[in-house]
Amino acid sequence: MAPIFRSAGHDVVGLDTGYFNECSLGDDDLPIADLKKDIRDLRPADLAGFDAVVHLAALSNDPIGNLNGDWTSSINRDASIRLAELARGAGVQRFLFSSSCIMYGMTEAAIVDETSPLDPRTEYARSKVHSERGIAALATSSFSPVFLRNGTVYGLSARMRLDTVLNDFVAQACLYGKVIVMSDGKPWRPVIHVEDVARSFLNILEAPTELVHNAVFNNGADRLNYQISELATIVAESVPGATVEIHASAGADQRTYKASFAKLRDTFPDFSFRWDARAGAKQVYDAYQAIELSRDDYEGKRFNRLRWLRYLIEAKRVDGSLRWSDSSVLIG
């Protein structure tokens, strides 16, 4: 997101506690000012002078969210609402919150839109619901929060994650010659390329206030809804010699939600998403080939958020509140 915002002429300052500083796939030395600080420890002065905040920070998926409910509540919910309070107090005008379509849960509706009932099934999903509600209540004529409910993000990035569905499927196909689907393959997922996420956030950042003030948008396009089995097939067709195996495990994730993105499309008819799953799978495959992705990369801890966080805990590099035990690790 930072280089895309920079290329559009914005001055960008990053904020990150640095859990994943050592998890780079390649060179991610973007020359950008940054503040190495835990979001829970921000002070009013940290927000002074900014026109907008793009809030992406969170314990970022269900398995991590389930590690410790208190961590998820304090980081994803409480710190998010407090960040919005600090931003409003500092005169920040636009506050973009990175939310998730995961809050729709396992819906019986054919298609879910921004008015559909929310059915969060995990700590992570619940934290997004509570954050949206808490931040929305802070809106004023001079403070405009906007909520972007992303689909499942994939695609190439410097701090690559191999634990999101399309990235994971491509890695399996490259390393083992097969894509294993643990469910029956029928659940629906809206997926979105990381570059398109950044472009959509930029579009919202620059939009007239009257179009986005305290508004919720499913972030994606209708054509980017796929069933899991379809994603697996696309990946297998993108990786020479790969096949698909459907295991239909009884304990598999059966959440399903097919999202409508009509509101975003109708509000911004001139904006379009550039990537689809087939183009994205090819990009990720080519990247894995170029870096010679290994089984150690896939099965190890650096590119799986849950495994890496567990490593930091077990190595006592972070303490019982998930804060750094030694500030010297905040390098790079």
C-alpha atoms as a PDB file:
ATOM      1  CA  MET A   1       0.000   0.000   0.000  1.00  0.00           C
ATOM      2  CA  ALA A   2       2.803   2.439   0.848  1.00  0.00           C
ATOM      3  CA  PRO A   3       4.407   2.580  -2.631  1.00  0.00           C
ATOM      4  CA  ILE A   4       1.015   2.882  -4.320  1.00  0.00           C
ATOM      5  CA  PHE A   5       0.045   5.780  -2.061  1.00  0.00           C
ATOM      6  CA  ARG A   6       3.449   7.372  -2.552  1.00  0.00           C
ATOM      7  CA  SER A   7       3.194   7.114  -6.323  1.00  0.00           C
ATOM      8  CA  ALA A   8      -0.117   8.989  -6.088  1.00  0.00           C
ATOM      9  CA  GLY A   9       1.658  11.904  -4.413  1.00  0.00           C
ATOM     10  CA  HIS A  10       0.885  11.263  -0.752  1.00  0.00           C
ATOM     11  CA  ASP A  11       3.379  11.553   2.090  1.00  0.00           C
ATOM     12  CA  VAL A  12       3.280   8.207   3.913  1.00  0.00           C
ATOM     13  CA  VAL A  13       4.421   7.314   7.418  1.00  0.00           C
ATOM     14  CA  GLY A  14       4.211   3.715   8.579  1.00  0.00           C
ATOM     15  CA  LEU A  15       3.353   2.445  12.042  1.00  0.00           C
ATOM     16  CA  ASP A  16       4.223  -1.132  12.985  1.00  0.00           C
ATOM     17  CA  THR A  17       5.290  -2.998  16.089  1.00  0.00           C
ATOM     18  CA  GLY A  18       7.504  -5.192  13.912  1.00  0.00           C
ATOM     19  CA  TYR A  19       6.370  -8.732  14.684  1.00  0.00           C
ATOM     20  CA  PHE A  20       7.160  -9.811  11.125  1.00  0.00           C
ATOM     21  CA  ASN A  21      10.284  -7.751  10.365  1.00  0.00           C
ATOM     22  CA  GLU A  22      12.258 -10.961   9.832  1.00  0.00           C
ATOM     23  CA  CYS A  23       9.709 -12.551   7.514  1.00  0.00           C
ATOM     24  CA  SER A  24      10.612 -10.920   4.213  1.00  0.00           C
ATOM     25  CA  LEU A  25      10.488 -12.981   1.060  1.00  0.00           C
ATOM     26  CA  GLY A  26      12.762 -10.594  -0.772  1.00  0.00           C
ATOM     27  CA  ASP A  27      13.949  -7.015  -0.599  1.00  0.00           C
ATOM     28  CA  ASP A  28      11.337  -4.854   1.114  1.00  0.00           C
ATOM     29  CA  ASP A  29      13.580  -1.912   1.984  1.00  0.00           C
ATOM     30  CA  LEU A  30      11.131   0.793   0.955  1.00  0.00           C
ATOM     31  CA  PRO A  31      12.562   4.165   2.005  1.00  0.00           C
ATOM     32  CA  ILE A  32       9.664   5.307   4.135  1.00  0.00           C
ATOM     33  CA  ALA A  33       9.436   7.049   7.470  1.00  0.00           C
ATOM     34  CA  ASP A  34       8.035   4.750  10.108  1.00  0.00           C
ATOM     35  CA  LEU A  35       7.198   4.659  13.771  1.00  0.00           C
ATOM     36  CA  LYS A  36       8.040   1.377  15.503  1.00  0.00           C
ATOM     37  CA  LYS A  37       5.405   1.261  18.195  1.00  0.00           C
ATOM     38  CA  ASP A  38       2.651  -1.004  19.462  1.00  0.00           C
ATOM     39  CA  ILE A  39      -0.747   0.325  18.464  1.00  0.00           C
ATOM     40  CA  ARG A  40      -1.876  -0.129  22.056  1.00  0.00           C
ATOM     41  CA  ASP A  41       0.763   2.351  23.240  1.00  0.00           C
ATOM     42  CA  LEU A  42       0.004   5.305  20.973  1.00  0.00           C
ATOM     43  CA  ARG A  43      -0.219   8.809  22.393  1.00  0.00           C
ATOM     44  CA  PRO A  44      -1.990  11.895  21.036  1.00  0.00           C
ATOM     45  CA  ALA A  45       1.284  13.337  19.732  1.00  0.00           C
ATOM     46  CA  ASP A  46       1.739  10.289  17.482  1.00  0.00           C
ATOM     47  CA  LEU A  47      -1.282  11.374  15.418  1.00  0.00           C
ATOM     48  CA  ALA A  48      -0.473  15.063  15.189  1.00  0.00           C
ATOM     49  CA  GLY A  49      -0.162  16.516  11.708  1.00  0.00           C
ATOM     50  CA  PHE A  50      -1.823  13.734   9.730  1.00  0.00           C
ATOM     51  CA  ASP A  51      -4.737  14.262   7.366  1.00  0.00           C
ATOM     52  CA  ALA A  52      -5.727  10.604   7.165  1.00  0.00           C
ATOM     53  CA  VAL A  53      -5.179   7.265   8.896  1.00  0.00           C
ATOM     54  CA  VAL A  54      -5.330   3.937   7.063  1.00  0.00           C
ATOM     55  CA  HIS A  55      -5.791   1.394   9.819  1.00  0.00           C
ATOM     56  CA  LEU A  56      -4.575  -2.091   8.828  1.00  0.00           C
ATOM     57  CA  ALA A  57      -3.137  -3.294  12.139  1.00  0.00           C
ATOM     58  CA  ALA A  58      -4.585  -6.464  13.664  1.00  0.00           C
ATOM     59  CA  LEU A  59      -3.835 -10.004  14.703  1.00  0.00           C
ATOM     60  CA  SER A  60      -4.616 -10.963  11.207  1.00  0.00           C
ATOM     61  CA  ASN A  61      -6.508 -14.228  10.949  1.00  0.00           C
ATOM     62  CA  ASP A  62      -8.745 -16.687  12.780  1.00  0.00           C
ATOM     63  CA  PRO A  63      -6.045 -19.074  14.091  1.00  0.00           C
ATOM     64  CA  ILE A  64      -4.098 -16.195  15.645  1.00  0.00           C
ATOM     65  CA  GLY A  65      -7.290 -14.645  16.940  1.00  0.00           C
ATOM     66  CA  ASN A  66      -8.101 -17.883  18.710  1.00  0.00           C
ATOM     67  CA  LEU A  67      -4.713 -18.083  20.459  1.00  0.00           C
ATOM     68  CA  ASN A  68      -5.807 -15.705  23.178  1.00  0.00           C
ATOM     69  CA  GLY A  69      -9.106 -13.866  23.169  1.00  0.00           C
ATOM     70  CA  ASP A  70      -7.729 -11.079  25.356  1.00  0.00           C
ATOM     71  CA  TRP A  71      -4.999 -10.292  22.829  1.00  0.00           C
ATOM     72  CA  THR A  72      -7.521 -10.093  20.017  1.00  0.00           C
ATOM     73  CA  SER A  73      -9.842  -7.888  22.049  1.00  0.00           C
ATOM     74  CA  SER A  74      -7.119  -5.501  23.180  1.00  0.00           C
ATOM     75  CA  ILE A  75      -5.326  -5.195  19.822  1.00  0.00           C
ATOM     76  CA  ASN A  76      -8.052  -5.617  17.221  1.00  0.00           C
ATOM     77  CA  ARG A  77     -10.979  -4.018  19.033  1.00  0.00           C
ATOM     78  CA  ASP A  78      -9.925  -1.733  21.887  1.00  0.00           C
ATOM     79  CA  ALA A  79      -6.797  -0.339  20.240  1.00  0.00           C
ATOM     80  CA  SER A  80      -8.678   0.241  16.981  1.00  0.00           C
ATOM     81  CA  ILE A  81     -11.366   2.310  18.672  1.00  0.00           C
ATOM     82  CA  ARG A  82      -8.774   4.208  20.707  1.00  0.00           C
ATOM     83  CA  LEU A  83      -6.771   4.907  17.539  1.00  0.00           C
ATOM     84  CA  ALA A  84      -9.880   6.452  16.000  1.00  0.00           C
ATOM     85  CA  GLU A  85     -10.433   8.540  19.142  1.00  0.00           C
ATOM     86  CA  LEU A  86      -6.851   9.791  19.031  1.00  0.00           C
ATOM     87  CA  ALA A  87      -7.123  10.497  15.312  1.00  0.00           C
ATOM     88  CA  ARG A  88     -10.314  12.494  15.747  1.00  0.00           C
ATOM     89  CA  GLY A  89      -8.740  14.451  18.608  1.00  0.00           C
ATOM     90  CA  ALA A  90      -5.700  15.241  16.454  1.00  0.00           C
ATOM     91  CA  GLY A  91      -7.808  16.639  13.632  1.00  0.00           C
ATOM     92  CA  VAL A  92      -7.478  13.681  11.251  1.00  0.00           C
ATOM     93  CA  GLN A  93     -10.197  14.036   8.640  1.00  0.00           C
ATOM     94  CA  ARG A  94     -10.385  10.608   6.967  1.00  0.00           C
ATOM     95  CA  PHE A  95     -10.056   7.248   8.782  1.00  0.00           C
ATOM     96  CA  LEU A  96     -10.024   4.089   6.651  1.00  0.00           C
ATOM     97  CA  PHE A  97     -10.614   0.867   8.569  1.00  0.00           C
ATOM     98  CA  SER A  98      -9.552  -2.427   7.033  1.00  0.00           C
ATOM     99  CA  SER A  99     -12.440  -4.731   7.863  1.00  0.00           C
ATOM    100  CA  SER A 100     -13.392  -8.141   6.493  1.00  0.00           C
ATOM    101  CA  CYS A 101     -16.146 -10.041   4.741  1.00  0.00           C
ATOM    102  CA  ILE A 102     -15.432 -12.793   7.262  1.00  0.00           C
ATOM    103  CA  MET A 103     -17.896 -11.118   9.622  1.00  0.00           C
ATOM    104  CA  TYR A 104     -20.759 -12.479   7.496  1.00  0.00           C
ATOM    105  CA  GLY A 105     -19.903 -15.923   8.859  1.00  0.00           C
ATOM    106  CA  MET A 106     -21.757 -18.923   7.477  1.00  0.00           C
ATOM    107  CA  THR A 107     -24.736 -17.299   5.871  1.00  0.00           C
ATOM    108  CA  GLU A 108     -27.795 -18.916   4.319  1.00  0.00           C
ATOM    109  CA  ALA A 109     -28.328 -15.898   2.087  1.00  0.00           C
ATOM    110  CA  ALA A 110     -27.487 -16.401  -1.573  1.00  0.00           C
ATOM    111  CA  ILE A 111     -25.519 -13.157  -1.606  1.00  0.00           C
ATOM    112  CA  VAL A 112     -24.533 -10.861   1.253  1.00  0.00           C
ATOM    113  CA  ASP A 113     -24.311  -7.102   0.986  1.00  0.00           C
ATOM    114  CA  GLU A 114     -23.519  -4.343   3.464  1.00  0.00           C
ATOM    115  CA  THR A 115     -27.031  -4.522   4.949  1.00  0.00           C
ATOM    116  CA  SER A 116     -26.965  -8.296   5.550  1.00  0.00           C
ATOM    117  CA  PRO A 117     -26.998  -9.645   9.130  1.00  0.00           C
ATOM    118  CA  LEU A 118     -23.546 -10.221  10.567  1.00  0.00           C
ATOM    119  CA  ASP A 119     -22.708 -13.659  11.934  1.00  0.00           C
ATOM    120  CA  PRO A 120     -19.118 -13.547  13.218  1.00  0.00           C
ATOM    121  CA  ARG A 121     -17.961 -17.053  14.167  1.00  0.00           C
ATOM    122  CA  THR A 122     -14.454 -16.320  15.488  1.00  0.00           C
ATOM    123  CA  GLU A 123     -12.661 -13.890  17.782  1.00  0.00           C
ATOM    124  CA  TYR A 124     -11.120 -12.212  14.758  1.00  0.00           C
ATOM    125  CA  ALA A 125     -14.477 -11.741  13.053  1.00  0.00           C
ATOM    126  CA  ARG A 126     -16.105 -10.488  16.244  1.00  0.00           C
ATOM    127  CA  SER A 127     -13.307  -7.977  16.737  1.00  0.00           C
ATOM    128  CA  LYS A 128     -14.028  -6.508  13.312  1.00  0.00           C
ATOM    129  CA  VAL A 129     -17.738  -6.174  14.075  1.00  0.00           C
ATOM    130  CA  HIS A 130     -17.126  -4.440  17.409  1.00  0.00           C
ATOM    131  CA  SER A 131     -14.465  -2.178  15.894  1.00  0.00           C
ATOM    132  CA  GLU A 132     -16.745  -1.051  13.087  1.00  0.00           C
ATOM    133  CA  ARG A 133     -19.511  -0.196  15.525  1.00  0.00           C
ATOM    134  CA  GLY A 134     -17.232   1.602  17.969  1.00  0.00           C
ATOM    135  CA  ILE A 135     -15.487   3.642  15.304  1.00  0.00           C
ATOM    136  CA  ALA A 136     -18.712   4.519  13.479  1.00  0.00           C
ATOM    137  CA  ALA A 137     -20.053   6.074  16.679  1.00  0.00           C
ATOM    138  CA  LEU A 138     -17.146   8.570  16.608  1.00  0.00           C
ATOM    139  CA  ALA A 139     -18.061  10.093  13.233  1.00  0.00           C
ATOM    140  CA  THR A 140     -18.527  13.855  13.133  1.00  0.00           C
ATOM    141  CA  SER A 141     -18.807  16.478  10.427  1.00  0.00           C
ATOM    142  CA  SER A 142     -15.007  16.783  10.493  1.00  0.00           C
ATOM    143  CA  PHE A 143     -14.064  13.135  11.113  1.00  0.00           C
ATOM    144  CA  SER A 144     -15.060  10.640   8.427  1.00  0.00           C
ATOM    145  CA  PRO A 145     -14.474   6.953   9.090  1.00  0.00           C
ATOM    146  CA  VAL A 146     -14.921   4.511   6.198  1.00  0.00           C
ATOM    147  CA  PHE A 147     -15.070   0.719   6.478  1.00  0.00           C
ATOM    148  CA  LEU A 148     -13.755  -1.558   3.740  1.00  0.00           C
ATOM    149  CA  ARG A 149     -14.744  -5.193   4.167  1.00  0.00           C
ATOM    150  CA  ASN A 150     -12.074  -7.024   2.212  1.00  0.00           C
ATOM    151  CA  GLY A 151     -12.428 -10.446   0.741  1.00  0.00           C
ATOM    152  CA  THR A 152      -9.635 -12.980   1.254  1.00  0.00           C
ATOM    153  CA  VAL A 153      -6.426 -11.259   0.194  1.00  0.00           C
ATOM    154  CA  TYR A 154      -3.772 -12.966  -1.944  1.00  0.00           C
ATOM    155  CA  GLY A 155      -0.930 -11.995  -4.232  1.00  0.00           C
ATOM    156  CA  LEU A 156       2.727 -11.165  -4.171  1.00  0.00           C
ATOM    157  CA  SER A 157       4.142  -8.990  -1.408  1.00  0.00           C
ATOM    158  CA  ALA A 158       7.517  -8.523   0.259  1.00  0.00           C
ATOM    159  CA  ARG A 159       6.370 -10.048   3.540  1.00  0.00           C
ATOM    160  CA  MET A 160       4.610 -12.883   1.825  1.00  0.00           C
ATOM    161  CA  ARG A 161       1.967 -14.939   3.584  1.00  0.00           C
ATOM    162  CA  LEU A 162       1.603 -18.565   2.584  1.00  0.00           C
ATOM    163  CA  ASP A 163      -1.409 -19.035   4.881  1.00  0.00           C
ATOM    164  CA  THR A 164      -4.115 -17.423   2.757  1.00  0.00           C
ATOM    165  CA  VAL A 165      -6.082 -19.656   0.463  1.00  0.00           C
ATOM    166  CA  LEU A 166      -4.809 -18.825  -3.038  1.00  0.00           C
ATOM    167  CA  ASN A 167      -1.186 -18.296  -1.963  1.00  0.00           C
ATOM    168  CA  ASP A 168      -1.383 -21.592  -0.088  1.00  0.00           C
ATOM    169  CA  PHE A 169      -2.887 -23.501  -3.019  1.00  0.00           C
ATOM    170  CA  VAL A 170      -0.186 -22.264  -5.405  1.00  0.00           C
ATOM    171  CA  ALA A 171       2.548 -23.254  -2.945  1.00  0.00           C
ATOM    172  CA  GLN A 172       1.063 -26.757  -2.595  1.00  0.00           C
ATOM    173  CA  ALA A 173       0.879 -27.143  -6.365  1.00  0.00           C
ATOM    174  CA  CYS A 174       4.474 -25.985  -6.842  1.00  0.00           C
ATOM    175  CA  LEU A 175       5.989 -28.101  -4.077  1.00  0.00           C
ATOM    176  CA  TYR A 176       3.854 -31.249  -4.050  1.00  0.00           C
ATOM    177  CA  GLY A 177       2.201 -31.293  -7.453  1.00  0.00           C
ATOM    178  CA  LYS A 178      -1.296 -31.222  -5.983  1.00  0.00           C
ATOM    179  CA  VAL A 179      -3.801 -28.917  -4.337  1.00  0.00           C
ATOM    180  CA  ILE A 180      -5.526 -30.438  -1.332  1.00  0.00           C
ATOM    181  CA  VAL A 181      -8.990 -29.092  -0.502  1.00  0.00           C
ATOM    182  CA  MET A 182      -9.992 -30.103   3.008  1.00  0.00           C
ATOM    183  CA  SER A 183     -13.668 -29.095   2.633  1.00  0.00           C
ATOM    184  CA  ASP A 184     -16.087 -30.360  -0.007  1.00  0.00           C
ATOM    185  CA  GLY A 185     -15.003 -27.380  -2.099  1.00  0.00           C
ATOM    186  CA  LYS A 186     -18.451 -25.798  -2.198  1.00  0.00           C
ATOM    187  CA  PRO A 187     -17.975 -22.815   0.166  1.00  0.00           C
ATOM    188  CA  TRP A 188     -17.841 -19.432  -1.526  1.00  0.00           C
ATOM    189  CA  ARG A 189     -15.075 -16.900  -0.947  1.00  0.00           C
ATOM    190  CA  PRO A 190     -14.588 -13.457  -2.424  1.00  0.00           C
ATOM    191  CA  VAL A 191     -10.869 -13.062  -3.103  1.00  0.00           C
ATOM    192  CA  ILE A 192      -8.942  -9.878  -3.846  1.00  0.00           C
ATOM    193  CA  HIS A 193      -5.381  -9.252  -4.970  1.00  0.00           C
ATOM    194  CA  VAL A 194      -3.254  -7.245  -2.534  1.00  0.00           C
ATOM    195  CA  GLU A 195      -2.493  -4.648  -5.212  1.00  0.00           C
ATOM    196  CA  ASP A 196      -6.206  -4.131  -5.835  1.00  0.00           C
ATOM    197  CA  VAL A 197      -6.772  -3.764  -2.089  1.00  0.00           C
ATOM    198  CA  ALA A 198      -4.252  -0.932  -2.035  1.00  0.00           C
ATOM    199  CA  ARG A 199      -5.713   0.719  -5.138  1.00  0.00           C
ATOM    200  CA  SER A 200      -9.228   0.541  -3.699  1.00  0.00           C
ATOM    201  CA  PHE A 201      -8.090   2.081  -0.421  1.00  0.00           C
ATOM    202  CA  LEU A 202      -6.424   4.882  -2.373  1.00  0.00           C
ATOM    203  CA  ASN A 203      -9.648   5.463  -4.279  1.00  0.00           C
ATOM    204  CA  ILE A 204     -11.599   5.746  -1.008  1.00  0.00           C
ATOM    205  CA  LEU A 205      -8.934   7.987   0.536  1.00  0.00           C
ATOM    206  CA  GLU A 206      -9.261  10.483  -2.315  1.00  0.00           C
ATOM    207  CA  ALA A 207     -13.058  10.299  -2.694  1.00  0.00           C
ATOM    208  CA  PRO A 208     -15.339  13.226  -1.869  1.00  0.00           C
ATOM    209  CA  THR A 209     -16.505  13.099   1.741  1.00  0.00           C
ATOM    210  CA  GLU A 210     -20.169  12.940   0.799  1.00  0.00           C
ATOM    211  CA  LEU A 211     -19.590   9.616  -0.982  1.00  0.00           C
ATOM    212  CA  VAL A 212     -17.831   7.818   1.857  1.00  0.00           C
ATOM    213  CA  HIS A 213     -18.625   9.472   5.192  1.00  0.00           C
ATOM    214  CA  ASN A 214     -19.181   6.732   7.800  1.00  0.00           C
ATOM    215  CA  ALA A 215     -19.944   4.307   4.968  1.00  0.00           C
ATOM    216  CA  VAL A 216     -19.367   0.555   4.714  1.00  0.00           C
ATOM    217  CA  PHE A 217     -18.206  -1.055   1.463  1.00  0.00           C
ATOM    218  CA  ASN A 218     -17.630  -4.678   0.593  1.00  0.00           C
ATOM    219  CA  ASN A 219     -14.255  -4.331  -1.089  1.00  0.00           C
ATOM    220  CA  GLY A 220     -14.048  -6.329  -4.298  1.00  0.00           C
ATOM    221  CA  ALA A 221     -16.025  -7.157  -7.425  1.00  0.00           C
ATOM    222  CA  ASP A 222     -18.834  -9.636  -8.089  1.00  0.00           C
ATOM    223  CA  ARG A 223     -16.681 -11.520 -10.599  1.00  0.00           C
ATOM    224  CA  LEU A 224     -14.161 -12.214  -7.817  1.00  0.00           C
ATOM    225  CA  ASN A 225     -16.477 -14.566  -5.919  1.00  0.00           C
ATOM    226  CA  TYR A 226     -15.226 -18.144  -6.285  1.00  0.00           C
ATOM    227  CA  GLN A 227     -16.027 -21.494  -4.772  1.00  0.00           C
ATOM    228  CA  ILE A 228     -13.022 -23.098  -3.089  1.00  0.00           C
ATOM    229  CA  SER A 229     -13.013 -25.948  -5.600  1.00  0.00           C
ATOM    230  CA  GLU A 230     -12.927 -23.419  -8.446  1.00  0.00           C
ATOM    231  CA  LEU A 231      -9.904 -21.698  -6.921  1.00  0.00           C
ATOM    232  CA  ALA A 232      -8.175 -25.066  -6.593  1.00  0.00           C
ATOM    233  CA  THR A 233      -8.887 -25.876 -10.240  1.00  0.00           C
ATOM    234  CA  ILE A 234      -7.593 -22.494 -11.406  1.00  0.00           C
ATOM    235  CA  VAL A 235      -4.369 -23.064  -9.486  1.00  0.00           C
ATOM    236  CA  ALA A 236      -3.925 -26.598 -10.812  1.00  0.00           C
ATOM    237  CA  GLU A 237      -4.372 -25.306 -14.349  1.00  0.00           C
ATOM    238  CA  SER A 238      -1.784 -22.589 -13.689  1.00  0.00           C
ATOM    239  CA  VAL A 239       0.929 -24.941 -12.364  1.00  0.00           C
ATOM    240  CA  PRO A 240       2.144 -27.540 -14.877  1.00  0.00           C
ATOM    241  CA  GLY A 241       1.315 -31.093 -13.846  1.00  0.00           C
ATOM    242  CA  ALA A 242      -0.645 -30.159 -10.716  1.00  0.00           C
ATOM    243  CA  THR A 243      -3.871 -31.931  -9.738  1.00  0.00           C
ATOM    244  CA  VAL A 244      -6.686 -31.329  -7.258  1.00  0.00           C
ATOM    245  CA  GLU A 245      -7.702 -33.580  -4.371  1.00  0.00           C
ATOM    246  CA  ILE A 246     -11.000 -33.019  -2.534  1.00  0.00           C
ATOM    247  CA  HIS A 247     -10.840 -34.572   0.936  1.00  0.00           C
ATOM    248  CA  ALA A 248     -14.114 -33.217   2.395  1.00  0.00           C
ATOM    249  CA  SER A 249     -12.929 -33.494   5.985  1.00  0.00           C
ATOM    250  CA  ALA A 250     -15.702 -33.304   8.570  1.00  0.00           C
ATOM    251  CA  GLY A 251     -13.787 -30.712  10.589  1.00  0.00           C
ATOM    252  CA  ALA A 252     -12.994 -28.436   7.674  1.00  0.00           C
ATOM    253  CA  ASP A 253     -13.921 -24.777   7.529  1.00  0.00           C
ATOM    254  CA  GLN A 254     -17.414 -24.641   6.060  1.00  0.00           C
ATOM    255  CA  ARG A 255     -18.006 -20.906   6.275  1.00  0.00           C
ATOM    256  CA  THR A 256     -19.453 -19.663   3.038  1.00  0.00           C
ATOM    257  CA  TYR A 257     -20.336 -16.202   1.862  1.00  0.00           C
ATOM    258  CA  LYS A 258     -20.817 -14.861  -1.631  1.00  0.00           C
ATOM    259  CA  ALA A 259     -20.541 -11.109  -1.406  1.00  0.00           C
ATOM    260  CA  SER A 260     -22.232  -8.409  -3.430  1.00  0.00           C
ATOM    261  CA  PHE A 261     -19.978  -5.533  -4.400  1.00  0.00           C
ATOM    262  CA  ALA A 262     -22.695  -3.501  -6.092  1.00  0.00           C
ATOM    263  CA  LYS A 263     -22.438  -0.614  -3.626  1.00  0.00           C
ATOM    264  CA  LEU A 264     -18.752  -0.029  -4.342  1.00  0.00           C
ATOM    265  CA  ARG A 265     -19.304  -0.431  -8.091  1.00  0.00           C
ATOM    266  CA  ASP A 266     -22.261   1.960  -8.159  1.00  0.00           C
ATOM    267  CA  THR A 267     -20.541   4.550  -5.968  1.00  0.00           C
ATOM    268  CA  PHE A 268     -17.333   4.470  -8.022  1.00  0.00           C
ATOM    269  CA  PRO A 269     -18.287   3.429 -11.565  1.00  0.00           C
ATOM    270  CA  ASP A 270     -14.914   4.532 -12.957  1.00  0.00           C
ATOM    271  CA  PHE A 271     -12.883   2.333 -10.607  1.00  0.00           C
ATOM    272  CA  SER A 272     -12.112  -1.245 -11.611  1.00  0.00           C
ATOM    273  CA  PHE A 273     -10.186  -4.177 -10.178  1.00  0.00           C
ATOM    274  CA  ARG A 274      -7.293  -5.280 -12.363  1.00  0.00           C
ATOM    275  CA  TRP A 275      -6.700  -8.806 -11.076  1.00  0.00           C
ATOM    276  CA  ASP A 276      -8.660 -12.047 -11.040  1.00  0.00           C
ATOM    277  CA  ALA A 277      -7.753 -15.395  -9.500  1.00  0.00           C
ATOM    278  CA  ARG A 278      -6.264 -16.810 -12.701  1.00  0.00           C
ATOM    279  CA  ALA A 279      -3.937 -13.854 -13.300  1.00  0.00           C
ATOM    280  CA  GLY A 280      -3.060 -13.774  -9.617  1.00  0.00           C
ATOM    281  CA  ALA A 281      -2.278 -17.494  -9.493  1.00  0.00           C
ATOM    282  CA  LYS A 282       0.113 -17.089 -12.434  1.00  0.00           C
ATOM    283  CA  GLN A 283       1.841 -14.128 -10.764  1.00  0.00           C
ATOM    284  CA  VAL A 284       2.322 -16.048  -7.525  1.00  0.00           C
ATOM    285  CA  TYR A 285       3.489 -19.184  -9.383  1.00  0.00           C
ATOM    286  CA  ASP A 286       6.057 -17.195 -11.363  1.00  0.00           C
ATOM    287  CA  ALA A 287       7.314 -15.584  -8.161  1.00  0.00           C
ATOM    288  CA  TYR A 288       7.630 -18.903  -6.353  1.00  0.00           C
ATOM    289  CA  GLN A 289       9.608 -20.255  -9.289  1.00  0.00           C
ATOM    290  CA  ALA A 290      11.873 -17.215  -9.380  1.00  0.00           C
ATOM    291  CA  ILE A 291      12.791 -17.445  -5.693  1.00  0.00           C
ATOM    292  CA  GLU A 292      12.892 -21.247  -5.757  1.00  0.00           C
ATOM    293  CA  LEU A 293      10.320 -21.614  -2.988  1.00  0.00           C
ATOM    294  CA  SER A 294      11.265 -24.612  -0.860  1.00  0.00           C
ATOM    295  CA  ARG A 295       9.378 -27.029   1.348  1.00  0.00           C
ATOM    296  CA  ASP A 296      11.210 -25.493   4.290  1.00  0.00           C
ATOM    297  CA  ASP A 297       9.731 -22.118   3.332  1.00  0.00           C
ATOM    298  CA  TYR A 298       6.237 -23.582   3.151  1.00  0.00           C
ATOM    299  CA  GLU A 299       6.390 -25.895   6.153  1.00  0.00           C
ATOM    300  CA  GLY A 300       8.466 -23.546   8.309  1.00  0.00           C
ATOM    301  CA  LYS A 301       7.473 -20.559  10.380  1.00  0.00           C
ATOM    302  CA  ARG A 302       8.570 -17.406   8.552  1.00  0.00           C
ATOM    303  CA  PHE A 303       5.704 -17.157   6.071  1.00  0.00           C
ATOM    304  CA  ASN A 304       2.915 -18.477   8.289  1.00  0.00           C
ATOM    305  CA  ARG A 305       1.675 -15.831  10.697  1.00  0.00           C
ATOM    306  CA  LEU A 306       0.493 -18.239  13.389  1.00  0.00           C
ATOM    307  CA  ARG A 307       3.700 -20.278  13.389  1.00  0.00           C
ATOM    308  CA  TRP A 308       5.886 -17.175  13.548  1.00  0.00           C
ATOM    309  CA  LEU A 309       3.915 -15.629  16.390  1.00  0.00           C
ATOM    310  CA  ARG A 310       4.098 -18.895  18.320  1.00  0.00           C
ATOM    311  CA  TYR A 311       7.857 -18.863  17.786  1.00  0.00           C
ATOM    312  CA  LEU A 312       8.113 -15.348  19.226  1.00  0.00           C
ATOM    313  CA  ILE A 313       6.084 -16.444  22.250  1.00  0.00           C
ATOM    314  CA  GLU A 314       8.000 -19.683  22.827  1.00  0.00           C
ATOM    315  CA  ALA A 315      11.344 -17.912  22.421  1.00  0.00           C
ATOM    316  CA  LYS A 316      10.137 -15.322  24.952  1.00  0.00           C
ATOM    317  CA  ARG A 317      10.824 -12.543  22.498  1.00  0.00           C
ATOM    318  CA  VAL A 318       7.357 -11.251  23.298  1.00  0.00           C
ATOM    319  CA  ASP A 319       5.819 -11.327  26.763  1.00  0.00           C
ATOM    320  CA  GLY A 320       2.444 -12.429  28.077  1.00  0.00           C
ATOM    321  CA  SER A 321       0.769  -9.311  26.722  1.00  0.00           C
ATOM    322  CA  LEU A 322       2.311  -9.835  23.268  1.00  0.00           C
ATOM    323  CA  ARG A 323       4.656  -6.894  23.707  1.00  0.00           C
ATOM    324  CA  TRP A 324       8.349  -7.103  22.888  1.00  0.00           C
ATOM    325  CA  SER A 325      10.479  -8.380  25.734  1.00  0.00           C
ATOM    326  CA  ASP A 326      13.568  -6.654  24.320  1.00  0.00           C
ATOM    327  CA  SER A 327      13.293  -3.534  22.219  1.00  0.00           C
ATOM    328  CA  SER A 328      16.507  -4.468  20.416  1.00  0.00           C
ATOM    329  CA  VAL A 329      14.521  -6.803  18.164  1.00  0.00           C
ATOM    330  CA  LEU A 330      12.888  -3.810  16.535  1.00  0.00           C
ATOM    331  CA  ILE A 331      15.417  -3.475  13.749  1.00  0.00           C
ATOM    332  CA  GLY A 332      15.251  -3.593   9.981  1.00  0.00           C
END
